[in-house]
């Protein structure tokens, strides 16, 4: 069975990791990753946190990106699953006032053109 999921020579079906790199229609790359207790977007030389890292943090052990395609069809539009736990930053010793929430969603890529 051939599995593409937008990257060359994938050794695993439905690869999962703490980052994912996508090629935009202008051939520029953008990487979404779980780094330093945040979810960041990096393109060219700029990295931007996608959350308010002053008051929130991502539980790095819970953050993942999974790329999958229906029936392992390399020509099917890839679906990116994103999941993470978002936690409220607390002052030291204020554990009883912290909050957290689990987020999980799927995004179907459009304008997909397998090579």
C-alpha atoms as a PDB file:
ATOM      1  CA  UNK A   1       0.000   0.000   0.000  1.00  0.00           C
ATOM      2  CA  UNK A   2       1.238   3.486  -0.867  1.00  0.00           C
ATOM      3  CA  UNK A   3       0.746   6.217   1.711  1.00  0.00           C
ATOM      4  CA  UNK A   4       1.680   9.798   0.851  1.00  0.00           C
ATOM      5  CA  UNK A   5       0.215  12.189   3.410  1.00  0.00           C
ATOM      6  CA  UNK A   6       2.038  15.099   1.718  1.00  0.00           C
ATOM      7  CA  UNK A   7       5.609  14.098   2.506  1.00  0.00           C
ATOM      8  CA  UNK A   8       8.210  12.094   0.630  1.00  0.00           C
ATOM      9  CA  UNK A   9       9.100   8.558   1.694  1.00  0.00           C
ATOM     10  CA  UNK A  10       6.837   8.312   4.728  1.00  0.00           C
ATOM     11  CA  UNK A  11       7.689   5.122   6.551  1.00  0.00           C
ATOM     12  CA  UNK A  12       4.530   5.150   8.661  1.00  0.00           C
ATOM     13  CA  UNK A  13       0.877   5.273   7.741  1.00  0.00           C
ATOM     14  CA  UNK A  14      -0.771   8.305   9.385  1.00  0.00           C
ATOM     15  CA  UNK A  15       2.443   9.875  10.707  1.00  0.00           C
ATOM     16  CA  UNK A  16       2.093  11.673  14.047  1.00  0.00           C
ATOM     17  CA  UNK A  17       4.417  14.183  15.676  1.00  0.00           C
ATOM     18  CA  UNK A  18       4.773  17.446  17.559  1.00  0.00           C
ATOM     19  CA  UNK A  19       5.149  19.435  14.337  1.00  0.00           C
ATOM     20  CA  UNK A  20       3.920  19.419  10.773  1.00  0.00           C
ATOM     21  CA  UNK A  21       5.281  21.248   7.721  1.00  0.00           C
ATOM     22  CA  UNK A  22       2.990  22.207   4.860  1.00  0.00           C
ATOM     23  CA  UNK A  23       3.839  23.594   1.430  1.00  0.00           C
ATOM     24  CA  UNK A  24       1.713  26.572   0.468  1.00  0.00           C
ATOM     25  CA  UNK A  25       0.466  27.200  -3.068  1.00  0.00           C
ATOM     26  CA  UNK A  26       3.349  29.690  -3.552  1.00  0.00           C
ATOM     27  CA  UNK A  27       5.804  26.863  -2.655  1.00  0.00           C
ATOM     28  CA  UNK A  28       6.753  28.492   0.661  1.00  0.00           C
ATOM     29  CA  UNK A  29       6.809  26.219   3.695  1.00  0.00           C
ATOM     30  CA  UNK A  30       4.955  26.825   6.942  1.00  0.00           C
ATOM     31  CA  UNK A  31       5.572  24.725  10.053  1.00  0.00           C
ATOM     32  CA  UNK A  32       3.161  24.381  12.952  1.00  0.00           C
ATOM     33  CA  UNK A  33       4.810  23.013  16.078  1.00  0.00           C
ATOM     34  CA  UNK A  34       4.504  22.499  19.812  1.00  0.00           C
ATOM     35  CA  UNK A  35       7.546  24.232  21.288  1.00  0.00           C
ATOM     36  CA  UNK A  36       8.314  25.962  24.576  1.00  0.00           C
ATOM     37  CA  UNK A  37       4.795  25.361  25.994  1.00  0.00           C
ATOM     38  CA  UNK A  38       3.071  26.998  23.015  1.00  0.00           C
ATOM     39  CA  UNK A  39       1.840  26.212  19.528  1.00  0.00           C
ATOM     40  CA  UNK A  40       3.828  28.207  17.020  1.00  0.00           C
ATOM     41  CA  UNK A  41       3.701  28.943  13.323  1.00  0.00           C
ATOM     42  CA  UNK A  42       6.973  29.412  11.492  1.00  0.00           C
ATOM     43  CA  UNK A  43       7.419  30.621   7.943  1.00  0.00           C
ATOM     44  CA  UNK A  44      10.547  32.095   6.431  1.00  0.00           C
ATOM     45  CA  UNK A  45      12.447  33.635   9.350  1.00  0.00           C
ATOM     46  CA  UNK A  46       9.455  34.463  11.532  1.00  0.00           C
ATOM     47  CA  UNK A  47       8.046  32.353  14.377  1.00  0.00           C
ATOM     48  CA  UNK A  48       4.764  33.410  15.986  1.00  0.00           C
ATOM     49  CA  UNK A  49       2.987  31.910  18.990  1.00  0.00           C
ATOM     50  CA  UNK A  50      -0.633  31.087  18.163  1.00  0.00           C
ATOM     51  CA  UNK A  51      -1.804  31.415  21.779  1.00  0.00           C
ATOM     52  CA  UNK A  52      -1.485  34.114  24.419  1.00  0.00           C
ATOM     53  CA  UNK A  53       1.630  32.628  25.995  1.00  0.00           C
ATOM     54  CA  UNK A  54       1.530  35.232  28.761  1.00  0.00           C
ATOM     55  CA  UNK A  55      -1.538  33.633  30.360  1.00  0.00           C
ATOM     56  CA  UNK A  56      -1.759  30.186  28.716  1.00  0.00           C
ATOM     57  CA  UNK A  57       0.513  27.252  28.026  1.00  0.00           C
ATOM     58  CA  UNK A  58       0.277  24.035  26.030  1.00  0.00           C
ATOM     59  CA  UNK A  59       0.957  20.750  27.782  1.00  0.00           C
ATOM     60  CA  UNK A  60       3.749  19.639  25.443  1.00  0.00           C
ATOM     61  CA  UNK A  61       3.195  15.949  26.192  1.00  0.00           C
ATOM     62  CA  UNK A  62      -0.400  16.214  24.912  1.00  0.00           C
ATOM     63  CA  UNK A  63       0.257  18.086  21.664  1.00  0.00           C
ATOM     64  CA  UNK A  64       0.190  16.221  18.363  1.00  0.00           C
ATOM     65  CA  UNK A  65      -0.415  16.600  14.649  1.00  0.00           C
ATOM     66  CA  UNK A  66      -1.485  13.546  12.643  1.00  0.00           C
ATOM     67  CA  UNK A  67      -1.681  13.404   8.863  1.00  0.00           C
ATOM     68  CA  UNK A  68      -4.053  10.837   7.386  1.00  0.00           C
ATOM     69  CA  UNK A  69      -5.700  10.019   4.102  1.00  0.00           C
ATOM     70  CA  UNK A  70      -8.855   8.008   3.566  1.00  0.00           C
ATOM     71  CA  UNK A  71      -8.126   4.365   2.691  1.00  0.00           C
ATOM     72  CA  UNK A  72      -4.397   5.171   2.495  1.00  0.00           C
ATOM     73  CA  UNK A  73      -5.097   6.771  -0.898  1.00  0.00           C
ATOM     74  CA  UNK A  74      -2.193   9.065  -1.854  1.00  0.00           C
ATOM     75  CA  UNK A  75      -4.553  11.059  -4.090  1.00  0.00           C
ATOM     76  CA  UNK A  76      -7.175  11.704  -1.403  1.00  0.00           C
ATOM     77  CA  UNK A  77      -7.152  15.118   0.285  1.00  0.00           C
ATOM     78  CA  UNK A  78      -5.071  14.835   3.460  1.00  0.00           C
ATOM     79  CA  UNK A  79      -6.782  15.366   6.796  1.00  0.00           C
ATOM     80  CA  UNK A  80      -4.713  16.896   9.589  1.00  0.00           C
ATOM     81  CA  UNK A  81      -5.784  16.002  13.142  1.00  0.00           C
ATOM     82  CA  UNK A  82      -4.658  18.466  15.810  1.00  0.00           C
ATOM     83  CA  UNK A  83      -4.966  17.837  19.538  1.00  0.00           C
ATOM     84  CA  UNK A  84      -3.522  19.481  22.632  1.00  0.00           C
ATOM     85  CA  UNK A  85      -4.298  20.443  26.214  1.00  0.00           C
ATOM     86  CA  UNK A  86      -4.314  24.133  26.987  1.00  0.00           C
ATOM     87  CA  UNK A  87      -3.570  25.163  30.578  1.00  0.00           C
ATOM     88  CA  UNK A  88      -3.909  28.436  32.394  1.00  0.00           C
ATOM     89  CA  UNK A  89      -0.597  29.666  33.747  1.00  0.00           C
ATOM     90  CA  UNK A  90      -0.730  29.988  37.505  1.00  0.00           C
ATOM     91  CA  UNK A  91       1.312  31.746  40.087  1.00  0.00           C
ATOM     92  CA  UNK A  92       3.395  29.442  42.204  1.00  0.00           C
ATOM     93  CA  UNK A  93       1.266  27.686  44.815  1.00  0.00           C
ATOM     94  CA  UNK A  94      -2.084  28.628  43.226  1.00  0.00           C
ATOM     95  CA  UNK A  95      -2.869  25.176  41.833  1.00  0.00           C
ATOM     96  CA  UNK A  96      -6.503  25.306  42.952  1.00  0.00           C
ATOM     97  CA  UNK A  97      -7.206  28.233  40.613  1.00  0.00           C
ATOM     98  CA  UNK A  98      -5.747  26.744  37.431  1.00  0.00           C
ATOM     99  CA  UNK A  99      -7.900  25.613  34.530  1.00  0.00           C
ATOM    100  CA  UNK A 100      -7.235  23.362  31.574  1.00  0.00           C
ATOM    101  CA  UNK A 101      -9.109  22.193  28.506  1.00  0.00           C
ATOM    102  CA  UNK A 102      -8.519  19.532  25.860  1.00  0.00           C
ATOM    103  CA  UNK A 103      -8.800  20.641  22.241  1.00  0.00           C
ATOM    104  CA  UNK A 104      -9.118  18.335  19.263  1.00  0.00           C
ATOM    105  CA  UNK A 105     -10.051  19.119  15.664  1.00  0.00           C
ATOM    106  CA  UNK A 106      -9.508  17.948  12.110  1.00  0.00           C
ATOM    107  CA  UNK A 107      -8.715  20.063   9.074  1.00  0.00           C
ATOM    108  CA  UNK A 108      -9.125  18.877   5.498  1.00  0.00           C
ATOM    109  CA  UNK A 109      -6.538  20.321   3.137  1.00  0.00           C
ATOM    110  CA  UNK A 110      -7.778  21.891  -0.065  1.00  0.00           C
ATOM    111  CA  UNK A 111      -5.968  22.553  -3.319  1.00  0.00           C
ATOM    112  CA  UNK A 112      -4.009  19.346  -2.706  1.00  0.00           C
ATOM    113  CA  UNK A 113      -1.828  18.276  -5.623  1.00  0.00           C
ATOM    114  CA  UNK A 114       0.201  15.101  -4.991  1.00  0.00           C
ATOM    115  CA  UNK A 115       3.522  14.894  -6.794  1.00  0.00           C
END
